Amino acid sequence: MARLRIVTAGTGAPWEAALVQACQDRASAAEVVQRCYDVGDLLAAAAAGRAQVAVVAAGTRWLDREAVTRLAAAGVAVVGVVPDGDEDAERRLRQLGIGHVARNLDPPGTLLELAGAAALADPAGGADRDAGTPPDPGPARRRTLVAVWGPKGAPGRTTVALNLAFEAAPLAGETLLVDADTYGGSVAQALGFLQDYPGLAWAARLASRGELDGPRLWQATRRAAREGPRVLAGLPRAELWTEVRPSTWESLLDLFRTAFPLTVVDLGFCLEEDEELLYDQVRFRRNAVARSALAHADLVVAVTRADPVGLHDFIRAWQQLSELGIPADRIRLVVNQARGGLFAGDPATQIRAALARYLGVEPAAFIPYDRAAIDAALMAGQSLVEARPGSPAQQAVAALAASIFGEHHAHQPHRAKRHRGFTLAGRTAAVPGGREA
C-alpha cells in the first residue's frame, strides 16, 4: 500500500521534528519526502508532484491565499499548524482556505490523522471563513451580488453602478458599492471623496494574508450619504491592479456576500482572457477581476451607449460576455444616454430593433441623456437622487432599481413627474428632443 507523501514547512519547530521521526517508522502510513525552508520550496515540491499533503506552520513566510490556491491546483492539500491557544492564527489560516488546522502541541498521530483527512478531501475546499457581519440583513433578505459592466467607449458604467446602488439601498437593505475597475476606477472621485480611504488594494492585501473579515471590511468602507450605500474605493492608480490576484478577488466576492445583503460592483470594460503573467512565481491576470465577478454575479447589468458607435461596440463585446456562460435571464440590458436626433424615426424603436436583430435581447431600461442632472451631481459629488431628485435620469434609474429589487419596497422621497420620453416600467423618462415610445 502506497504511503501518504508529506512535505513540511515548520521553520524547525519541535512538532516538525517529531512528525519526521514518527514517519521514519516503517509501519507508518505516511512519509515526509521533504522539509521545506519557505513557501517557495513548498511550491516547487508541489509542482514536481512529490507530495500529497503539506503540513505548514502558521508563521511560514509568504504563506498567503495565492500560495494555498497554487498548492490546491497542484493537488496538494494543506494542514496548518498554529501555536496552542492562538485563535487569531487559526482564524487567519481558515480565512486563507485551510480547513484542517492542528496545534503545535498535538502529537504526531494527530497531525497524521489530519493529513490523511485533508488528502481525502478536496484540496481547494474546506475553507471555514469566519467573516463577521456588522449589519444584520434579516432572515427574509437574500444576499445579492450585482455586476455592472459595459464595453469600451465610456457607456456610463460608473454612472449606472453608482446611482443604482443609491436607489437600491432603501429597497434591498445595507448596500456595498465596490469600484473594481482595474483600468481606472472613478467612483471615489464621482462622490467627491477628498481624502484617501482604505480601498480595494488595501482590502486585497489583507485578504491575501487571511487578515480580512467582516468588521475590517466594514471599517475600510465609507458611507456615501445618510441613506446611501457604503463604498469600497477603487485603485488609486491603475498600475496597482497586480494587488488584486484572482484567488484573492474570489475570496473578496465571498466576503462581500457575507457582510452585505446587496453588493453592486462597478467593473472595467475588458473581458479578454489575458494570459497569466509570472512575476517572481506569482501569477497575475488583470481581466480576471471582471470575468470572475460576472461569472459569480446573481445579476449582470450590461450598459450600452445609445448611439451608433456605442451600440456597435456593445454588439461586438456581447460575444465575450456570452462566452462566460452567463444565462440570459441573469442579464439586464440598460441603454444609457438615450436621446433623439441620432436615428431616423423613433430612437427607442430603432435601438430595440437593432438589439433584437443582432443579439436577440430586449432592453430592460432606457436612461435618457440628462446632461444637466449628471453635471450637477458630478459637481456636487453626489448621486442623482441627492443632487437632482425627480430628474429624468434619476427617475429612470429608480425605475430600474424598482424592477430589479421589487417595486413594492420602493421608498421615493420625491413624487415622480411625468416627462415626454422613453417608457420605463410604468414610468416615463425625458429625452431631450425625443418623443414618447
Protein backbone atom coordinates (compact mmCIF):
# COMPACT_ATOMS: atom_id res chain seq x y z
CA MET A 1 0.00 0.00 0.00
CA ALA A 2 1.41 3.39 -1.00
CA ARG A 3 2.34 5.68 1.84
CA LEU A 4 0.97 9.21 2.10
CA ARG A 5 3.61 11.65 0.85
CA ILE A 6 4.03 14.71 3.10
CA VAL A 7 6.11 17.85 2.84
CA THR A 8 6.54 20.16 5.80
CA ALA A 9 7.33 23.82 6.35
CA GLY A 10 7.71 24.17 10.05
CA THR A 11 10.66 26.56 10.38
CA GLY A 12 12.40 23.98 12.58
CA ALA A 13 9.59 23.75 15.14
CA PRO A 14 9.56 20.77 17.57
CA TRP A 15 6.34 19.39 16.08
CA GLU A 16 8.05 19.13 12.67
CA ALA A 17 10.93 17.09 14.03
CA ALA A 18 8.50 14.85 15.92
CA LEU A 19 6.44 14.29 12.76
CA VAL A 20 9.52 13.39 10.72
CA GLN A 21 10.67 10.93 13.37
CA ALA A 22 7.23 9.31 13.56
CA CYS A 23 7.15 8.84 9.78
CA GLN A 24 10.51 7.07 9.84
CA ASP A 25 8.77 4.08 11.35
CA ARG A 26 8.18 1.57 8.55
CA ALA A 27 4.76 0.80 9.99
CA SER A 28 3.69 4.41 9.47
CA ALA A 29 1.17 5.06 6.70
CA ALA A 30 2.93 8.30 5.74
CA GLU A 31 6.40 9.56 4.88
CA VAL A 32 7.95 13.01 4.90
CA VAL A 33 9.54 13.43 1.49
CA GLN A 34 10.92 16.93 2.05
CA ARG A 35 11.33 19.54 4.74
CA CYS A 36 10.91 22.95 3.12
CA TYR A 37 12.50 26.19 4.21
CA ASP A 38 9.76 28.50 2.95
CA VAL A 39 6.73 28.67 0.68
CA GLY A 40 8.95 28.83 -2.41
CA ASP A 41 10.40 25.39 -1.60
CA LEU A 42 6.90 24.16 -0.84
CA LEU A 43 5.53 25.28 -4.20
CA ALA A 44 8.47 23.76 -6.04
CA ALA A 45 7.87 20.40 -4.36
CA ALA A 46 4.18 20.60 -5.19
CA ALA A 47 4.86 21.48 -8.84
CA ALA A 48 7.19 18.47 -9.09
CA GLY A 49 4.38 16.19 -7.94
CA ARG A 50 6.33 14.96 -4.95
CA ALA A 51 3.69 15.47 -2.27
CA GLN A 52 0.03 14.91 -1.48
CA VAL A 53 -0.17 16.93 1.74
CA ALA A 54 1.73 19.95 3.05
CA VAL A 55 1.91 20.44 6.81
CA VAL A 56 2.70 24.11 7.29
CA ALA A 57 3.34 26.35 10.27
CA ALA A 58 1.06 29.37 10.52
CA GLY A 59 4.07 31.68 10.64
CA THR A 60 5.68 30.39 7.45
CA ARG A 61 7.00 33.25 5.37
CA TRP A 62 4.87 34.23 2.31
CA LEU A 63 2.04 31.89 3.25
CA ASP A 64 -0.97 33.61 1.70
CA ARG A 65 -4.11 32.80 -0.26
CA GLU A 66 -2.27 32.70 -3.56
CA ALA A 67 0.11 30.05 -2.21
CA VAL A 68 -2.76 27.94 -0.86
CA THR A 69 -4.54 28.22 -4.21
CA ARG A 70 -1.44 27.13 -6.13
CA LEU A 71 -0.92 24.17 -3.80
CA ALA A 72 -4.52 23.12 -4.34
CA ALA A 73 -4.09 23.47 -8.11
CA ALA A 74 -1.12 21.09 -7.86
CA GLY A 75 -3.27 18.57 -5.97
CA VAL A 76 -1.63 19.20 -2.61
CA ALA A 77 -3.85 19.53 0.45
CA VAL A 78 -2.74 21.76 3.32
CA VAL A 79 -2.74 21.22 7.06
CA GLY A 80 -1.96 24.31 9.09
CA VAL A 81 -0.25 24.25 12.49
CA VAL A 82 -0.87 27.12 14.90
CA PRO A 83 0.53 27.90 18.36
CA ASP A 84 -1.66 26.44 21.06
CA GLY A 85 -4.32 28.94 22.12
CA ASP A 86 -3.63 31.37 19.25
CA GLU A 87 -7.15 31.91 17.93
CA ASP A 88 -6.09 34.74 15.64
CA ALA A 89 -3.61 32.50 13.83
CA GLU A 90 -6.24 29.79 13.40
CA ARG A 91 -8.78 32.28 12.09
CA ARG A 92 -6.22 33.58 9.61
CA LEU A 93 -5.48 30.09 8.28
CA ARG A 94 -9.15 29.32 7.86
CA GLN A 95 -9.68 32.60 6.02
CA LEU A 96 -6.87 31.56 3.69
CA GLY A 97 -8.92 28.49 2.84
CA ILE A 98 -7.12 25.97 5.04
CA GLY A 99 -9.81 23.76 6.54
CA HIS A 100 -7.62 21.38 8.57
CA VAL A 101 -5.79 23.06 11.44
CA ALA A 102 -3.69 21.45 14.19
CA ARG A 103 -1.88 22.88 17.20
CA ASN A 104 1.82 22.81 17.78
CA LEU A 105 1.38 20.68 20.94
CA ASP A 106 -0.59 17.97 19.15
CA PRO A 107 1.17 14.60 18.95
CA PRO A 108 2.39 13.31 15.55
CA GLY A 109 -0.54 10.90 15.41
CA THR A 110 -2.99 13.80 15.36
CA LEU A 111 -1.05 15.52 12.61
CA LEU A 112 -1.07 12.33 10.53
CA GLU A 113 -4.81 11.89 11.03
CA LEU A 114 -5.43 15.43 9.83
CA ALA A 115 -3.07 14.90 6.90
CA GLY A 116 -5.00 11.80 5.87
CA ALA A 117 -8.34 13.61 6.19
CA ALA A 118 -7.05 16.55 4.15
CA ALA A 119 -5.77 14.24 1.42
CA LEU A 120 -9.19 12.62 1.10
CA ALA A 121 -10.97 15.97 0.99
CA ASP A 122 -10.98 18.41 -1.90
CA PRO A 123 -7.70 20.37 -1.57
CA ALA A 124 -9.43 23.53 -2.71
CA GLY A 125 -12.34 23.19 -0.29
CA GLY A 126 -12.86 23.09 3.42
CA ALA A 127 -12.44 26.80 3.97
CA ASP A 128 -14.35 27.87 7.03
CA ARG A 129 -14.27 31.60 6.66
CA ASP A 130 -15.10 33.47 9.79
CA ALA A 131 -16.14 36.81 8.37
CA GLY A 132 -18.20 38.83 10.81
CA THR A 133 -21.29 40.69 9.67
CA PRO A 134 -21.76 44.13 11.22
CA PRO A 135 -25.16 44.80 9.57
CA ASP A 136 -27.96 42.31 10.22
CA PRO A 137 -29.75 41.89 6.89
CA GLY A 138 -32.66 39.98 8.39
CA PRO A 139 -33.67 36.40 7.60
CA ALA A 140 -36.00 37.29 4.71
CA ARG A 141 -33.43 39.22 2.69
CA ARG A 142 -31.42 37.46 0.02
CA ARG A 143 -27.77 38.38 -0.34
CA THR A 144 -27.20 39.53 -3.88
CA LEU A 145 -24.19 40.44 -5.99
CA VAL A 146 -24.87 42.73 -8.95
CA ALA A 147 -22.12 43.32 -11.53
CA VAL A 148 -22.30 46.40 -13.74
CA TRP A 149 -20.38 46.05 -16.99
CA GLY A 150 -20.15 47.70 -20.37
CA PRO A 151 -17.71 47.72 -23.30
CA LYS A 152 -15.09 50.32 -24.19
CA GLY A 153 -16.18 53.80 -25.14
CA ALA A 154 -17.49 55.21 -21.84
CA PRO A 155 -21.07 53.88 -21.97
CA GLY A 156 -21.65 55.08 -18.39
CA ARG A 157 -20.82 52.02 -16.28
CA THR A 158 -19.84 54.04 -13.22
CA THR A 159 -22.82 56.40 -13.52
CA VAL A 160 -25.23 53.48 -13.67
CA ALA A 161 -23.50 51.48 -10.90
CA LEU A 162 -23.28 54.44 -8.53
CA ASN A 163 -26.85 55.59 -8.95
CA LEU A 164 -28.24 52.06 -8.97
CA ALA A 165 -26.56 51.44 -5.59
CA PHE A 166 -28.11 54.63 -4.18
CA GLU A 167 -31.57 53.73 -5.48
CA ALA A 168 -31.29 50.12 -4.29
CA ALA A 169 -30.13 50.86 -0.75
CA PRO A 170 -33.63 51.71 0.61
CA LEU A 171 -35.07 48.67 -1.17
CA ALA A 172 -32.53 45.92 -0.52
CA GLY A 173 -31.01 46.92 2.81
CA GLU A 174 -27.38 47.71 3.63
CA THR A 175 -25.63 48.06 0.28
CA LEU A 176 -21.96 47.99 -0.68
CA LEU A 177 -20.70 49.76 -3.81
CA VAL A 178 -17.34 48.38 -4.97
CA ASP A 179 -15.15 50.13 -7.51
CA ALA A 180 -13.43 47.16 -9.18
CA ASP A 181 -12.38 48.77 -12.47
CA THR A 182 -8.76 47.68 -12.85
CA TYR A 183 -8.25 50.09 -15.76
CA GLY A 184 -9.28 53.27 -13.98
CA GLY A 185 -11.93 53.42 -11.29
CA SER A 186 -13.60 56.75 -10.58
CA VAL A 187 -16.32 56.11 -8.00
CA ALA A 188 -14.45 57.96 -5.24
CA GLN A 189 -13.91 60.98 -7.50
CA ALA A 190 -17.55 60.98 -8.61
CA LEU A 191 -18.66 61.07 -4.97
CA GLY A 192 -16.22 63.83 -4.06
CA PHE A 193 -14.07 61.85 -1.62
CA LEU A 194 -11.29 64.34 -0.92
CA GLN A 195 -9.34 62.15 1.49
CA ASP A 196 -7.68 58.84 0.79
CA TYR A 197 -9.52 55.91 2.32
CA PRO A 198 -8.54 52.24 2.55
CA GLY A 199 -9.88 50.77 -0.65
CA LEU A 200 -9.73 47.74 -2.87
CA ALA A 201 -5.93 47.41 -2.85
CA TRP A 202 -5.83 47.54 0.96
CA ALA A 203 -8.64 45.00 1.26
CA ALA A 204 -6.94 42.70 -1.25
CA ARG A 205 -3.66 42.78 0.68
CA LEU A 206 -5.40 41.84 3.92
CA ALA A 207 -7.49 39.14 2.22
CA SER A 208 -4.37 37.66 0.64
CA ARG A 209 -2.82 37.31 4.11
CA GLY A 210 -6.04 35.95 5.61
CA GLU A 211 -6.47 39.01 7.82
CA LEU A 212 -9.65 40.47 6.35
CA ASP A 213 -13.02 39.74 7.93
CA GLY A 214 -16.39 41.43 8.02
CA PRO A 215 -15.58 44.07 10.66
CA ARG A 216 -12.35 45.08 8.92
CA LEU A 217 -14.11 45.27 5.58
CA TRP A 218 -16.74 47.44 7.22
CA GLN A 219 -14.03 49.78 8.50
CA ALA A 220 -12.47 50.01 5.03
CA THR A 221 -15.69 51.36 3.53
CA ARG A 222 -17.14 54.83 3.77
CA ARG A 223 -20.79 55.83 3.95
CA ALA A 224 -21.54 57.88 0.84
CA ALA A 225 -24.67 59.51 2.28
CA ARG A 226 -27.03 59.09 5.22
CA GLU A 227 -29.26 56.64 3.35
CA GLY A 228 -26.80 55.71 0.63
CA PRO A 229 -24.51 52.73 0.20
CA ARG A 230 -21.16 52.11 1.78
CA VAL A 231 -18.34 52.49 -0.73
CA LEU A 232 -15.15 50.48 -1.17
CA ALA A 233 -12.98 52.86 -3.16
CA GLY A 234 -11.09 51.64 -6.21
CA LEU A 235 -7.40 51.51 -7.04
CA PRO A 236 -5.77 54.94 -6.61
CA ARG A 237 -3.53 54.17 -9.60
CA ALA A 238 -4.30 51.80 -12.46
CA GLU A 239 -0.90 50.06 -12.16
CA LEU A 240 -1.92 48.71 -8.75
CA TRP A 241 -4.12 46.09 -10.45
CA THR A 242 -1.48 43.50 -9.53
CA GLU A 243 -2.60 43.79 -5.90
CA VAL A 244 -5.88 42.03 -6.77
CA ARG A 245 -4.93 38.46 -7.62
CA PRO A 246 -7.57 36.07 -8.96
CA SER A 247 -7.83 33.86 -5.88
CA THR A 248 -7.86 36.88 -3.58
CA TRP A 249 -10.62 38.52 -5.62
CA GLU A 250 -12.81 35.41 -5.37
CA SER A 251 -12.41 35.42 -1.60
CA LEU A 252 -13.40 39.10 -1.57
CA LEU A 253 -16.55 38.33 -3.55
CA ASP A 254 -17.46 35.71 -0.95
CA LEU A 255 -16.82 38.19 1.84
CA PHE A 256 -18.95 40.86 0.16
CA ARG A 257 -21.86 38.43 0.17
CA THR A 258 -21.25 37.54 3.79
CA ALA A 259 -21.04 41.10 5.04
CA PHE A 260 -23.72 42.88 2.98
CA PRO A 261 -27.22 41.99 1.76
CA LEU A 262 -26.51 43.70 -1.57
CA THR A 263 -23.24 44.39 -3.35
CA VAL A 264 -23.01 46.43 -6.56
CA VAL A 265 -19.66 46.03 -8.35
CA ASP A 266 -18.50 48.53 -10.96
CA LEU A 267 -16.27 46.64 -13.43
CA GLY A 268 -13.80 47.51 -16.15
CA PHE A 269 -14.59 47.09 -19.83
CA CYS A 270 -12.14 44.37 -20.89
CA LEU A 271 -13.19 40.71 -20.77
CA GLU A 272 -10.34 39.31 -22.82
CA GLU A 273 -8.94 36.11 -21.34
CA ASP A 274 -5.47 37.50 -20.83
CA GLU A 275 -2.50 35.23 -20.33
CA GLU A 276 -1.07 34.76 -16.88
CA LEU A 277 1.95 36.94 -16.25
CA LEU A 278 4.58 35.46 -13.97
CA TYR A 279 6.45 37.75 -11.63
CA ASP A 280 8.67 36.11 -9.04
CA GLN A 281 6.50 32.97 -9.01
CA VAL A 282 3.29 35.00 -8.52
CA ARG A 283 0.64 34.87 -11.24
CA PHE A 284 -1.42 37.89 -12.28
CA ARG A 285 -4.37 38.34 -14.63
CA ARG A 286 -5.73 41.84 -14.99
CA ASN A 287 -9.07 40.94 -16.52
CA ALA A 288 -9.76 38.14 -14.04
CA VAL A 289 -11.49 40.66 -11.76
CA ALA A 290 -14.19 41.48 -14.30
CA ARG A 291 -14.52 37.92 -15.64
CA SER A 292 -14.79 36.37 -12.18
CA ALA A 293 -17.27 38.97 -10.91
CA LEU A 294 -19.52 38.43 -13.92
CA ALA A 295 -19.37 34.66 -13.51
CA HIS A 296 -20.24 34.87 -9.79
CA ALA A 297 -22.85 37.63 -10.01
CA ASP A 298 -26.51 36.94 -9.36
CA LEU A 299 -27.36 39.67 -11.84
CA VAL A 300 -25.38 41.42 -14.59
CA VAL A 301 -26.37 44.94 -15.61
CA ALA A 302 -24.91 45.42 -19.10
CA VAL A 303 -24.66 49.05 -20.20
CA THR A 304 -24.56 50.31 -23.77
CA ARG A 305 -24.41 53.85 -25.08
CA ALA A 306 -27.41 54.84 -27.21
CA ASP A 307 -25.60 55.93 -30.35
CA PRO A 308 -24.35 54.04 -33.43
CA VAL A 309 -20.76 53.74 -32.19
CA GLY A 310 -21.80 52.69 -28.69
CA LEU A 311 -24.23 50.08 -29.98
CA HIS A 312 -21.60 48.75 -32.39
CA ASP A 313 -19.06 48.35 -29.58
CA PHE A 314 -21.66 46.67 -27.37
CA ILE A 315 -22.75 44.18 -30.01
CA ARG A 316 -19.10 43.26 -30.65
CA ALA A 317 -18.39 42.87 -26.93
CA TRP A 318 -21.54 40.82 -26.31
CA GLN A 319 -19.78 37.73 -27.67
CA GLN A 320 -17.20 37.89 -24.88
CA LEU A 321 -20.00 38.20 -22.33
CA SER A 322 -21.73 35.16 -23.82
CA GLU A 323 -18.52 33.12 -23.70
CA LEU A 324 -18.54 33.41 -19.89
CA GLY A 325 -21.67 31.24 -19.88
CA ILE A 326 -23.95 33.76 -18.19
CA PRO A 327 -27.62 32.82 -18.72
CA ALA A 328 -29.75 35.41 -20.46
CA ASP A 329 -32.16 35.61 -17.50
CA ARG A 330 -29.30 36.94 -15.35
CA ILE A 331 -28.60 39.90 -17.64
CA ARG A 332 -30.40 43.24 -17.65
CA LEU A 333 -29.53 45.40 -20.65
CA VAL A 334 -29.52 49.14 -19.98
CA VAL A 335 -29.41 51.65 -22.82
CA ASN A 336 -27.73 54.79 -21.49
CA GLN A 337 -27.61 58.37 -22.79
CA ALA A 338 -30.72 57.84 -24.93
CA ARG A 339 -31.78 60.86 -26.95
CA GLY A 340 -33.50 61.82 -30.15
CA GLY A 341 -31.89 63.10 -33.32
CA LEU A 342 -29.41 60.26 -33.85
CA PHE A 343 -31.76 57.82 -35.57
CA ALA A 344 -34.36 58.10 -38.26
CA GLY A 345 -37.79 57.83 -36.69
CA ASP A 346 -38.33 56.84 -33.08
CA PRO A 347 -34.96 56.19 -31.35
CA ALA A 348 -36.28 53.61 -28.88
CA THR A 349 -37.87 51.57 -31.65
CA GLN A 350 -34.70 51.72 -33.73
CA ILE A 351 -32.47 50.66 -30.85
CA ARG A 352 -34.78 47.82 -29.84
CA ALA A 353 -34.86 46.58 -33.42
CA ALA A 354 -31.07 46.64 -33.71
CA LEU A 355 -30.54 44.78 -30.44
CA ALA A 356 -33.20 42.22 -31.30
CA ARG A 357 -31.71 41.64 -34.74
CA TYR A 358 -28.09 41.20 -33.72
CA LEU A 359 -28.37 39.91 -30.15
CA GLY A 360 -31.94 38.74 -29.64
CA VAL A 361 -32.27 40.68 -26.37
CA GLU A 362 -34.74 43.29 -25.12
CA PRO A 363 -33.53 46.36 -23.17
CA ALA A 364 -34.61 46.44 -19.54
CA ALA A 365 -34.33 50.22 -19.31
CA PHE A 366 -33.54 53.38 -21.24
CA ILE A 367 -31.72 56.09 -19.30
CA PRO A 368 -32.10 59.48 -21.00
CA TYR A 369 -29.30 61.82 -21.91
CA ASP A 370 -29.76 64.17 -18.96
CA ARG A 371 -26.58 66.20 -19.10
CA ALA A 372 -27.77 68.92 -16.73
CA ALA A 373 -28.60 66.47 -13.94
CA ILE A 374 -25.43 64.40 -14.45
CA ASP A 375 -23.25 67.51 -14.38
CA ALA A 376 -24.97 68.83 -11.26
CA ALA A 377 -24.43 65.53 -9.45
CA LEU A 378 -20.81 65.36 -10.55
CA MET A 379 -20.02 68.90 -9.43
CA ALA A 380 -21.69 68.27 -6.06
CA GLY A 381 -20.05 64.85 -5.58
CA GLN A 382 -23.46 63.28 -5.13
CA SER A 383 -25.82 60.79 -6.67
CA LEU A 384 -28.71 61.88 -8.86
CA VAL A 385 -31.25 61.22 -6.12
CA GLU A 386 -29.35 63.66 -3.88
CA ALA A 387 -28.43 66.33 -6.42
CA ARG A 388 -31.38 66.22 -8.83
CA PRO A 389 -34.27 64.19 -7.42
CA GLY A 390 -37.10 63.85 -9.90
CA SER A 391 -34.86 64.48 -12.90
CA PRO A 392 -35.42 62.26 -15.94
CA ALA A 393 -32.22 60.24 -15.44
CA GLN A 394 -32.90 59.77 -11.73
CA GLN A 395 -36.41 58.50 -12.41
CA ALA A 396 -35.08 56.06 -14.99
CA VAL A 397 -32.53 54.57 -12.59
CA ALA A 398 -35.13 54.46 -9.80
CA ALA A 399 -37.47 52.53 -12.08
CA LEU A 400 -34.66 50.11 -12.96
CA ALA A 401 -33.89 49.55 -9.27
CA ALA A 402 -37.56 49.01 -8.50
CA SER A 403 -37.89 46.47 -11.32
CA ILE A 404 -34.87 44.53 -10.04
CA PHE A 405 -35.33 44.72 -6.29
CA GLY A 406 -39.11 44.90 -6.06
CA GLU A 407 -41.22 47.97 -6.66
CA HIS A 408 -43.40 47.21 -3.66
CA HIS A 409 -40.39 48.05 -1.46
CA ALA A 410 -39.84 51.40 -3.17
CA HIS A 411 -39.32 54.41 -0.98
CA GLN A 412 -39.26 57.52 -3.13
CA PRO A 413 -38.94 60.78 -1.17
CA HIS A 414 -39.99 62.78 -4.22
CA ARG A 415 -43.08 62.20 -6.31
CA ALA A 416 -42.16 61.15 -9.83
CA LYS A 417 -43.00 63.63 -12.54
CA ARG A 418 -44.14 62.68 -16.00
CA HIS A 419 -41.98 63.73 -18.89
CA ARG A 420 -42.10 63.10 -22.55
CA GLY A 421 -39.66 60.33 -23.44
CA PHE A 422 -38.99 56.60 -23.21
CA THR A 423 -41.42 54.48 -21.18
CA LEU A 424 -39.72 52.66 -18.32
CA ALA A 425 -41.64 50.05 -16.33
CA GLY A 426 -44.70 52.18 -15.95
CA ARG A 427 -42.77 55.46 -15.70
CA THR A 428 -41.54 57.86 -18.34
CA ALA A 429 -38.13 59.45 -18.62
CA ALA A 430 -37.42 62.55 -20.63
CA VAL A 431 -35.22 62.52 -23.66
CA PRO A 432 -34.24 65.94 -24.89
CA GLY A 433 -35.59 66.30 -28.38
CA GLY A 434 -37.15 62.85 -28.30
CA ARG A 435 -40.69 61.53 -28.49
CA GLU A 436 -42.75 59.16 -26.42
CA ALA A 437 -42.18 55.50 -27.22
